[in-house]
Amino acid sequence: MADRSRASVRRKERKEKEVAEPTPDVKEVKAEGAKAGNAEAEAADEAVTNGQNGDYQVEPMELPPFEIITGDRIDPFAFKFQFKNVEYSSGRNKTFLCYLVDRGNTIDGLLRGCLEDEHTSLHAEEAFFTQCLPDYDPAIKYTITWYVSSSPCSACAAKIAEVLKARKSVKLSIFAARLFEWEEPEIQAGLKALHAAGCKLRVMKPLDFSYIWDTFVENEDQALNLWEDCKENYEYYQEKLADILQ
């Protein structure tokens, strides 16, 4: 596992950088606060559970343009910045979600795609259920895998847990490049709720980054050169996640 003393060194380096670059940090705080605050305010009135069949339904809504971006591939520069598993995350105020959906022996087969949010309306995690998997059939077994640039905020974690409890045939695995504000009690509670609801949670390994690069990035047949501390940062985050979920 990663050296625990590295955490204090990182925080010292982060504080020094925050002093030198105050403007990006202020934007980061506002963006991260908006992610948690806006989503929590929307949680109560956007999702309901149908008591007759246990289905999870989200109210239809008109989304302003460019707030949720969908597609098959991610820009390589966006991937290298947003998915980099550093602890200091200034400027990384979006969520990128790459997904695989296996619907068993149905005609549609395997679904694959990407979502990107601007943190001005729905988050990518919630938008997945409204845009990528809007029609739920309880007779079909869904095996869903997410590769996300950061783990869910507390509000999104609560909504995902609701979905998994209501849709018994949905099995979800979330692999996160970084842990979002993992020191906050409400974030830890959200991760625990996801785990209790049957969601498989794991921090992305170096091989996962290479898989995303090959599968979801416009890489123009170029190989991915992983950053020097990728494995060390994975071990650091995985240790923190294990402590939270134990």
C-alpha atoms as a PDB file:
ATOM      1  CA  MET A   1       0.000   0.000   0.000  1.00  0.00           C
ATOM      2  CA  ALA A   2       1.040   3.623  -0.397  1.00  0.00           C
ATOM      3  CA  ASP A   3       3.149   5.262   2.266  1.00  0.00           C
ATOM      4  CA  ARG A   4       0.812   7.006   4.685  1.00  0.00           C
ATOM      5  CA  SER A   5       3.345   9.779   5.230  1.00  0.00           C
ATOM      6  CA  ARG A   6       2.878  10.763   1.606  1.00  0.00           C
ATOM      7  CA  ALA A   7      -0.534  12.211   2.405  1.00  0.00           C
ATOM      8  CA  SER A   8       0.878  14.917   4.666  1.00  0.00           C
ATOM      9  CA  VAL A   9       3.523  15.815   2.091  1.00  0.00           C
ATOM     10  CA  ARG A  10       0.879  16.103  -0.577  1.00  0.00           C
ATOM     11  CA  ARG A  11      -1.282  18.326   1.566  1.00  0.00           C
ATOM     12  CA  LYS A  12       1.698  20.586   2.238  1.00  0.00           C
ATOM     13  CA  GLU A  13       2.445  20.810  -1.487  1.00  0.00           C
ATOM     14  CA  ARG A  14      -1.207  21.440  -2.200  1.00  0.00           C
ATOM     15  CA  LYS A  15      -1.380  24.267   0.318  1.00  0.00           C
ATOM     16  CA  GLU A  16       1.721  25.874  -1.166  1.00  0.00           C
ATOM     17  CA  LYS A  17       0.211  25.676  -4.603  1.00  0.00           C
ATOM     18  CA  GLU A  18      -3.073  27.076  -3.350  1.00  0.00           C
ATOM     19  CA  VAL A  19      -1.243  30.133  -2.015  1.00  0.00           C
ATOM     20  CA  ALA A  20       0.534  30.622  -5.323  1.00  0.00           C
ATOM     21  CA  GLU A  21      -2.583  30.081  -7.436  1.00  0.00           C
ATOM     22  CA  PRO A  22      -5.637  31.372  -5.545  1.00  0.00           C
ATOM     23  CA  THR A  23      -7.911  31.936  -8.525  1.00  0.00           C
ATOM     24  CA  PRO A  24      -8.206  28.315  -9.765  1.00  0.00           C
ATOM     25  CA  ASP A  25      -8.805  27.098  -6.208  1.00  0.00           C
ATOM     26  CA  VAL A  26     -11.663  29.553  -5.696  1.00  0.00           C
ATOM     27  CA  LYS A  27     -13.254  28.337  -8.899  1.00  0.00           C
ATOM     28  CA  GLU A  28     -12.705  24.751  -7.788  1.00  0.00           C
ATOM     29  CA  VAL A  29     -14.401  25.324  -4.455  1.00  0.00           C
ATOM     30  CA  LYS A  30     -17.373  26.986  -6.128  1.00  0.00           C
ATOM     31  CA  ALA A  31     -17.663  24.223  -8.689  1.00  0.00           C
ATOM     32  CA  GLU A  32     -17.347  21.403  -6.175  1.00  0.00           C
ATOM     33  CA  GLY A  33     -19.795  23.149  -3.841  1.00  0.00           C
ATOM     34  CA  ALA A  34     -22.252  23.540  -6.672  1.00  0.00           C
ATOM     35  CA  LYS A  35     -21.950  19.842  -7.467  1.00  0.00           C
ATOM     36  CA  ALA A  36     -22.994  18.805  -3.984  1.00  0.00           C
ATOM     37  CA  GLY A  37     -25.405  21.657  -3.205  1.00  0.00           C
ATOM     38  CA  ASN A  38     -27.382  21.809  -6.432  1.00  0.00           C
ATOM     39  CA  ALA A  39     -27.735  18.048  -6.690  1.00  0.00           C
ATOM     40  CA  GLU A  40     -28.947  17.713  -3.112  1.00  0.00           C
ATOM     41  CA  ALA A  41     -31.577  20.374  -3.707  1.00  0.00           C
ATOM     42  CA  GLU A  42     -32.822  18.535  -6.802  1.00  0.00           C
ATOM     43  CA  ALA A  43     -32.795  15.060  -5.244  1.00  0.00           C
ATOM     44  CA  ALA A  44     -36.175  15.303  -3.539  1.00  0.00           C
ATOM     45  CA  ASP A  45     -38.266  16.478  -6.506  1.00  0.00           C
ATOM     46  CA  GLU A  46     -36.660  14.726  -9.495  1.00  0.00           C
ATOM     47  CA  ALA A  47     -36.888  11.067  -8.488  1.00  0.00           C
ATOM     48  CA  VAL A  48     -39.759   8.939  -7.209  1.00  0.00           C
ATOM     49  CA  THR A  49     -40.196   5.238  -6.639  1.00  0.00           C
ATOM     50  CA  ASN A  50     -43.220   3.462  -8.087  1.00  0.00           C
ATOM     51  CA  GLY A  51     -44.649   1.411  -5.238  1.00  0.00           C
ATOM     52  CA  GLN A  52     -46.366  -1.108  -7.515  1.00  0.00           C
ATOM     53  CA  ASN A  53     -43.434  -2.500  -9.479  1.00  0.00           C
ATOM     54  CA  GLY A  54     -40.412  -1.154  -7.638  1.00  0.00           C
ATOM     55  CA  ASP A  55     -39.303   0.858 -10.687  1.00  0.00           C
ATOM     56  CA  TYR A  56     -37.273   4.030 -10.309  1.00  0.00           C
ATOM     57  CA  GLN A  57     -38.604   6.948 -12.343  1.00  0.00           C
ATOM     58  CA  VAL A  58     -37.202  10.395 -13.044  1.00  0.00           C
ATOM     59  CA  GLU A  59     -39.411  13.306 -14.006  1.00  0.00           C
ATOM     60  CA  PRO A  60     -39.038  14.292 -17.699  1.00  0.00           C
ATOM     61  CA  MET A  61     -37.269  17.601 -18.151  1.00  0.00           C
ATOM     62  CA  GLU A  62     -35.917  19.840 -20.876  1.00  0.00           C
ATOM     63  CA  LEU A  63     -32.141  20.110 -20.578  1.00  0.00           C
ATOM     64  CA  PRO A  64     -30.455  23.317 -21.746  1.00  0.00           C
ATOM     65  CA  PRO A  65     -27.976  22.691 -24.571  1.00  0.00           C
ATOM     66  CA  PHE A  66     -24.364  21.643 -23.932  1.00  0.00           C
ATOM     67  CA  GLU A  67     -24.851  20.846 -20.255  1.00  0.00           C
ATOM     68  CA  ILE A  68     -24.688  17.079 -20.700  1.00  0.00           C
ATOM     69  CA  ILE A  69     -22.483  15.980 -23.566  1.00  0.00           C
ATOM     70  CA  THR A  70     -22.869  12.447 -24.879  1.00  0.00           C
ATOM     71  CA  GLY A  71     -20.791  10.510 -27.378  1.00  0.00           C
ATOM     72  CA  ASP A  72     -18.616   7.498 -28.057  1.00  0.00           C
ATOM     73  CA  ARG A  73     -15.154   8.994 -27.605  1.00  0.00           C
ATOM     74  CA  ILE A  74     -13.382  11.504 -25.353  1.00  0.00           C
ATOM     75  CA  ASP A  75     -10.871  14.100 -26.462  1.00  0.00           C
ATOM     76  CA  PRO A  76      -7.372  12.794 -25.546  1.00  0.00           C
ATOM     77  CA  PHE A  77      -6.330  16.037 -23.848  1.00  0.00           C
ATOM     78  CA  ALA A  78      -9.498  16.058 -21.747  1.00  0.00           C
ATOM     79  CA  PHE A  79      -8.864  12.446 -20.746  1.00  0.00           C
ATOM     80  CA  LYS A  80      -5.246  13.050 -19.696  1.00  0.00           C
ATOM     81  CA  PHE A  81      -6.293  16.007 -17.545  1.00  0.00           C
ATOM     82  CA  GLN A  82      -9.643  14.933 -16.103  1.00  0.00           C
ATOM     83  CA  PHE A  83      -8.767  11.288 -15.414  1.00  0.00           C
ATOM     84  CA  LYS A  84      -5.307  11.932 -13.954  1.00  0.00           C
ATOM     85  CA  ASN A  85      -5.419  10.403 -10.481  1.00  0.00           C
ATOM     86  CA  VAL A  86      -3.690  13.218  -8.606  1.00  0.00           C
ATOM     87  CA  GLU A  87      -4.868  14.351  -5.189  1.00  0.00           C
ATOM     88  CA  TYR A  88      -4.589  18.044  -6.056  1.00  0.00           C
ATOM     89  CA  SER A  89      -7.539  18.441  -8.450  1.00  0.00           C
ATOM     90  CA  SER A  90      -7.839  22.174  -9.138  1.00  0.00           C
ATOM     91  CA  GLY A  91      -9.605  22.814 -12.445  1.00  0.00           C
ATOM     92  CA  ARG A  92     -11.039  19.316 -12.637  1.00  0.00           C
ATOM     93  CA  ASN A  93     -14.607  20.484 -12.067  1.00  0.00           C
ATOM     94  CA  LYS A  94     -16.358  18.154 -14.506  1.00  0.00           C
ATOM     95  CA  THR A  95     -17.348  14.519 -14.338  1.00  0.00           C
ATOM     96  CA  PHE A  96     -16.509  12.239 -17.251  1.00  0.00           C
ATOM     97  CA  LEU A  97     -18.361   8.919 -17.238  1.00  0.00           C
ATOM     98  CA  CYS A  98     -17.546   6.085 -19.638  1.00  0.00           C
ATOM     99  CA  TYR A  99     -20.042   3.225 -19.529  1.00  0.00           C
ATOM    100  CA  LEU A 100     -20.591  -0.337 -20.656  1.00  0.00           C
ATOM    101  CA  VAL A 101     -24.051  -1.898 -20.373  1.00  0.00           C
ATOM    102  CA  ASP A 102     -24.545  -5.622 -20.900  1.00  0.00           C
ATOM    103  CA  ARG A 103     -28.230  -6.533 -21.271  1.00  0.00           C
ATOM    104  CA  GLY A 104     -27.673 -10.249 -21.503  1.00  0.00           C
ATOM    105  CA  ASN A 105     -29.077 -12.022 -24.520  1.00  0.00           C
ATOM    106  CA  THR A 106     -31.168  -9.123 -25.811  1.00  0.00           C
ATOM    107  CA  ILE A 107     -30.919  -8.015 -29.443  1.00  0.00           C
ATOM    108  CA  ASP A 108     -29.359  -4.691 -28.450  1.00  0.00           C
ATOM    109  CA  GLY A 109     -26.457  -6.448 -26.735  1.00  0.00           C
ATOM    110  CA  LEU A 110     -23.629  -4.346 -25.307  1.00  0.00           C
ATOM    111  CA  LEU A 111     -24.034  -0.577 -25.077  1.00  0.00           C
ATOM    112  CA  ARG A 112     -21.000   1.697 -24.876  1.00  0.00           C
ATOM    113  CA  GLY A 113     -20.601   5.461 -24.607  1.00  0.00           C
ATOM    114  CA  CYS A 114     -19.468   8.512 -22.654  1.00  0.00           C
ATOM    115  CA  LEU A 115     -21.068  11.357 -20.721  1.00  0.00           C
ATOM    116  CA  GLU A 116     -19.593  14.676 -19.673  1.00  0.00           C
ATOM    117  CA  ASP A 117     -21.275  17.202 -17.397  1.00  0.00           C
ATOM    118  CA  GLU A 118     -20.735  20.891 -16.800  1.00  0.00           C
ATOM    119  CA  HIS A 119     -22.087  20.804 -13.220  1.00  0.00           C
ATOM    120  CA  THR A 120     -24.821  23.276 -14.150  1.00  0.00           C
ATOM    121  CA  SER A 121     -27.741  20.856 -14.207  1.00  0.00           C
ATOM    122  CA  LEU A 122     -27.814  17.057 -13.925  1.00  0.00           C
ATOM    123  CA  HIS A 123     -24.581  15.337 -13.039  1.00  0.00           C
ATOM    124  CA  ALA A 124     -23.291  12.654 -15.372  1.00  0.00           C
ATOM    125  CA  GLU A 125     -24.207   9.877 -12.935  1.00  0.00           C
ATOM    126  CA  GLU A 126     -27.874  10.879 -12.838  1.00  0.00           C
ATOM    127  CA  ALA A 127     -27.966  11.740 -16.545  1.00  0.00           C
ATOM    128  CA  PHE A 128     -26.915   8.169 -17.336  1.00  0.00           C
ATOM    129  CA  PHE A 129     -30.237   6.835 -16.038  1.00  0.00           C
ATOM    130  CA  THR A 130     -32.322   9.487 -17.813  1.00  0.00           C
ATOM    131  CA  GLN A 131     -30.494   9.530 -21.160  1.00  0.00           C
ATOM    132  CA  CYS A 132     -28.629   6.235 -21.582  1.00  0.00           C
ATOM    133  CA  LEU A 133     -30.936   3.829 -19.761  1.00  0.00           C
ATOM    134  CA  PRO A 134     -34.361   5.529 -19.646  1.00  0.00           C
ATOM    135  CA  ASP A 135     -36.433   2.380 -20.224  1.00  0.00           C
ATOM    136  CA  TYR A 136     -36.018  -0.227 -17.527  1.00  0.00           C
ATOM    137  CA  ASP A 137     -37.340  -3.752 -18.037  1.00  0.00           C
ATOM    138  CA  PRO A 138     -37.332  -5.793 -14.800  1.00  0.00           C
ATOM    139  CA  ALA A 139     -37.209  -8.992 -16.881  1.00  0.00           C
ATOM    140  CA  ILE A 140     -33.753  -8.054 -18.211  1.00  0.00           C
ATOM    141  CA  LYS A 141     -30.545  -8.413 -16.232  1.00  0.00           C
ATOM    142  CA  TYR A 142     -28.380  -5.291 -16.579  1.00  0.00           C
ATOM    143  CA  THR A 143     -24.656  -5.494 -15.857  1.00  0.00           C
ATOM    144  CA  ILE A 144     -23.319  -1.924 -15.891  1.00  0.00           C
ATOM    145  CA  THR A 145     -19.737  -0.736 -15.580  1.00  0.00           C
ATOM    146  CA  TRP A 146     -18.779   2.913 -15.101  1.00  0.00           C
ATOM    147  CA  TYR A 147     -15.304   4.406 -15.430  1.00  0.00           C
ATOM    148  CA  VAL A 148     -15.552   7.878 -13.878  1.00  0.00           C
ATOM    149  CA  SER A 149     -13.037  10.688 -13.493  1.00  0.00           C
ATOM    150  CA  SER A 150     -14.037  11.066  -9.834  1.00  0.00           C
ATOM    151  CA  SER A 151     -16.302   9.208  -7.420  1.00  0.00           C
ATOM    152  CA  PRO A 152     -19.905  10.461  -6.962  1.00  0.00           C
ATOM    153  CA  CYS A 153     -20.885  13.376  -4.740  1.00  0.00           C
ATOM    154  CA  SER A 154     -23.128  12.610  -1.761  1.00  0.00           C
ATOM    155  CA  ALA A 155     -26.371  13.501  -3.584  1.00  0.00           C
ATOM    156  CA  CYS A 156     -25.531  11.364  -6.614  1.00  0.00           C
ATOM    157  CA  ALA A 157     -24.479   8.478  -4.387  1.00  0.00           C
ATOM    158  CA  ALA A 158     -27.869   8.614  -2.642  1.00  0.00           C
ATOM    159  CA  LYS A 159     -29.724   8.609  -5.981  1.00  0.00           C
ATOM    160  CA  ILE A 160     -27.681   5.720  -7.365  1.00  0.00           C
ATOM    161  CA  ALA A 161     -28.341   3.728  -4.199  1.00  0.00           C
ATOM    162  CA  GLU A 162     -32.094   4.366  -4.677  1.00  0.00           C
ATOM    163  CA  VAL A 163     -31.900   3.061  -8.242  1.00  0.00           C
ATOM    164  CA  LEU A 164     -30.104  -0.114  -7.185  1.00  0.00           C
ATOM    165  CA  LYS A 165     -32.597  -0.792  -4.410  1.00  0.00           C
ATOM    166  CA  ALA A 166     -35.573  -0.263  -6.730  1.00  0.00           C
ATOM    167  CA  ARG A 167     -34.155  -2.040  -9.789  1.00  0.00           C
ATOM    168  CA  LYS A 168     -33.133  -5.426  -8.482  1.00  0.00           C
ATOM    169  CA  SER A 169     -31.906  -6.681 -11.864  1.00  0.00           C
ATOM    170  CA  VAL A 170     -29.320  -3.869 -12.177  1.00  0.00           C
ATOM    171  CA  LYS A 171     -25.757  -4.666 -11.106  1.00  0.00           C
ATOM    172  CA  LEU A 172     -23.441  -1.663 -11.119  1.00  0.00           C
ATOM    173  CA  SER A 173     -19.657  -1.423 -10.803  1.00  0.00           C
ATOM    174  CA  ILE A 174     -18.025   1.998 -10.434  1.00  0.00           C
ATOM    175  CA  PHE A 175     -14.303   2.411 -11.073  1.00  0.00           C
ATOM    176  CA  ALA A 176     -13.124   5.915 -10.151  1.00  0.00           C
ATOM    177  CA  ALA A 177      -9.859   7.621 -11.080  1.00  0.00           C
ATOM    178  CA  ARG A 178      -9.994   9.764  -7.919  1.00  0.00           C
ATOM    179  CA  LEU A 179     -12.071   9.967  -4.744  1.00  0.00           C
ATOM    180  CA  PHE A 180     -14.134  13.156  -4.636  1.00  0.00           C
ATOM    181  CA  GLU A 181     -13.682  14.977  -1.285  1.00  0.00           C
ATOM    182  CA  TRP A 182     -13.199  11.633   0.441  1.00  0.00           C
ATOM    183  CA  GLU A 183     -12.425  13.228   3.821  1.00  0.00           C
ATOM    184  CA  GLU A 184     -15.942  14.709   4.125  1.00  0.00           C
ATOM    185  CA  PRO A 185     -18.342  12.688   6.344  1.00  0.00           C
ATOM    186  CA  GLU A 186     -21.272  13.046   3.920  1.00  0.00           C
ATOM    187  CA  ILE A 187     -19.145  11.731   1.054  1.00  0.00           C
ATOM    188  CA  GLN A 188     -18.046   8.741   3.111  1.00  0.00           C
ATOM    189  CA  ALA A 189     -21.675   8.081   4.064  1.00  0.00           C
ATOM    190  CA  GLY A 190     -22.656   8.174   0.391  1.00  0.00           C
ATOM    191  CA  LEU A 191     -19.958   5.678  -0.583  1.00  0.00           C
ATOM    192  CA  LYS A 192     -21.024   3.373   2.232  1.00  0.00           C
ATOM    193  CA  ALA A 193     -24.661   3.624   1.080  1.00  0.00           C
ATOM    194  CA  LEU A 194     -23.628   2.641  -2.450  1.00  0.00           C
ATOM    195  CA  HIS A 195     -21.648  -0.299  -1.125  1.00  0.00           C
ATOM    196  CA  ALA A 196     -24.588  -1.430   1.022  1.00  0.00           C
ATOM    197  CA  ALA A 197     -26.906  -1.202  -2.000  1.00  0.00           C
ATOM    198  CA  GLY A 198     -24.750  -3.731  -3.860  1.00  0.00           C
ATOM    199  CA  CYS A 199     -22.608  -1.385  -5.948  1.00  0.00           C
ATOM    200  CA  LYS A 200     -19.051  -2.578  -6.539  1.00  0.00           C
ATOM    201  CA  LEU A 201     -16.661   0.310  -5.838  1.00  0.00           C
ATOM    202  CA  ARG A 202     -13.002   0.356  -6.788  1.00  0.00           C
ATOM    203  CA  VAL A 203     -10.290   2.879  -7.618  1.00  0.00           C
ATOM    204  CA  MET A 204      -8.961   2.593 -11.150  1.00  0.00           C
ATOM    205  CA  LYS A 205      -5.740   0.621 -11.617  1.00  0.00           C
ATOM    206  CA  PRO A 206      -3.089   1.611 -14.183  1.00  0.00           C
ATOM    207  CA  LEU A 207      -4.477  -1.047 -16.554  1.00  0.00           C
ATOM    208  CA  ASP A 208      -7.921   0.589 -16.312  1.00  0.00           C
ATOM    209  CA  PHE A 209      -6.534   3.886 -17.636  1.00  0.00           C
ATOM    210  CA  SER A 210      -5.002   2.056 -20.592  1.00  0.00           C
ATOM    211  CA  TYR A 211      -8.319   0.276 -21.233  1.00  0.00           C
ATOM    212  CA  ILE A 212     -10.228   3.591 -21.268  1.00  0.00           C
ATOM    213  CA  TRP A 213      -7.630   5.093 -23.592  1.00  0.00           C
ATOM    214  CA  ASP A 214      -8.055   2.233 -26.048  1.00  0.00           C
ATOM    215  CA  THR A 215     -11.845   1.963 -25.754  1.00  0.00           C
ATOM    216  CA  PHE A 216     -13.246   5.446 -25.131  1.00  0.00           C
ATOM    217  CA  VAL A 217     -10.649   8.006 -26.297  1.00  0.00           C
ATOM    218  CA  GLU A 218      -9.965   9.476 -29.742  1.00  0.00           C
ATOM    219  CA  ASN A 219      -6.390   8.252 -29.490  1.00  0.00           C
ATOM    220  CA  GLU A 220      -5.567   8.117 -33.229  1.00  0.00           C
ATOM    221  CA  ASP A 221      -3.848   4.759 -32.608  1.00  0.00           C
ATOM    222  CA  GLN A 222      -1.359   6.360 -30.240  1.00  0.00           C
ATOM    223  CA  ALA A 223      -0.305   4.404 -27.151  1.00  0.00           C
ATOM    224  CA  LEU A 224      -0.931   5.880 -23.697  1.00  0.00           C
ATOM    225  CA  ASN A 225       2.120   6.794 -21.651  1.00  0.00           C
ATOM    226  CA  LEU A 226       0.971   6.696 -18.036  1.00  0.00           C
ATOM    227  CA  TRP A 227       2.161   9.442 -15.709  1.00  0.00           C
ATOM    228  CA  GLU A 228       4.996   8.561 -13.367  1.00  0.00           C
ATOM    229  CA  ASP A 229       3.027   8.321 -10.092  1.00  0.00           C
ATOM    230  CA  CYS A 230      -0.087   6.615 -11.506  1.00  0.00           C
ATOM    231  CA  LYS A 231       0.408   3.337  -9.604  1.00  0.00           C
ATOM    232  CA  GLU A 232       1.392   5.105  -6.373  1.00  0.00           C
ATOM    233  CA  ASN A 233      -1.693   7.328  -6.525  1.00  0.00           C
ATOM    234  CA  TYR A 234      -3.936   4.331  -7.224  1.00  0.00           C
ATOM    235  CA  GLU A 235      -2.623   2.592  -4.114  1.00  0.00           C
ATOM    236  CA  TYR A 236      -3.128   5.747  -2.050  1.00  0.00           C
ATOM    237  CA  TYR A 237      -6.766   6.172  -3.107  1.00  0.00           C
ATOM    238  CA  GLN A 238      -7.554   2.469  -2.883  1.00  0.00           C
ATOM    239  CA  GLU A 239      -6.297   2.444   0.694  1.00  0.00           C
ATOM    240  CA  LYS A 240      -8.547   5.385   1.564  1.00  0.00           C
ATOM    241  CA  LEU A 241     -11.556   3.699  -0.063  1.00  0.00           C
ATOM    242  CA  ALA A 242     -10.898   0.440   1.802  1.00  0.00           C
ATOM    243  CA  ASP A 243     -10.761   2.358   5.094  1.00  0.00           C
ATOM    244  CA  ILE A 244     -14.083   4.048   4.306  1.00  0.00           C
ATOM    245  CA  LEU A 245     -15.912   0.852   3.338  1.00  0.00           C
ATOM    246  CA  GLN A 246     -14.588  -1.413   6.085  1.00  0.00           C
END
